[in-house]
């Protein structure tokens, strides 16, 4: 069982930056680690992912060019650097991990994602 813990959320003005962290208890069996977000009344949206072993990155269209995913293998930690934040980025951000191999990461919250964090709130004021 892999446990995921997010941190780093908060309140920021539009145009500002935040960095989220997701610490995994174990990454040995993980193929993808991903970020999703969910705003009130909306479906959970794919933000981006990293193929853990090779470091290949994937991004959702709404965050390309503004958000960057990185990792620290020694700390089993994935990061989400969020720049040029907009009010529409306001959401609860979740990290998720998939132990299922595939050509590319699932971009919907499918059962392939066996593990989820508790979420961290990001609020962007206008």
Foldseek 3Di string as FASTA:
>chain_A
DKAKAKDWADEEAAQAKTKMKIFIPDCPLFQKKFKWWDDPPDAIFGAKMARPPPGDIGGDPVQPPFWDWDDDVVRNMIMIIGGRDDQVVWTWMKMFTASDDDPDDDGHPDVSGVYMYPTDTHGYHD
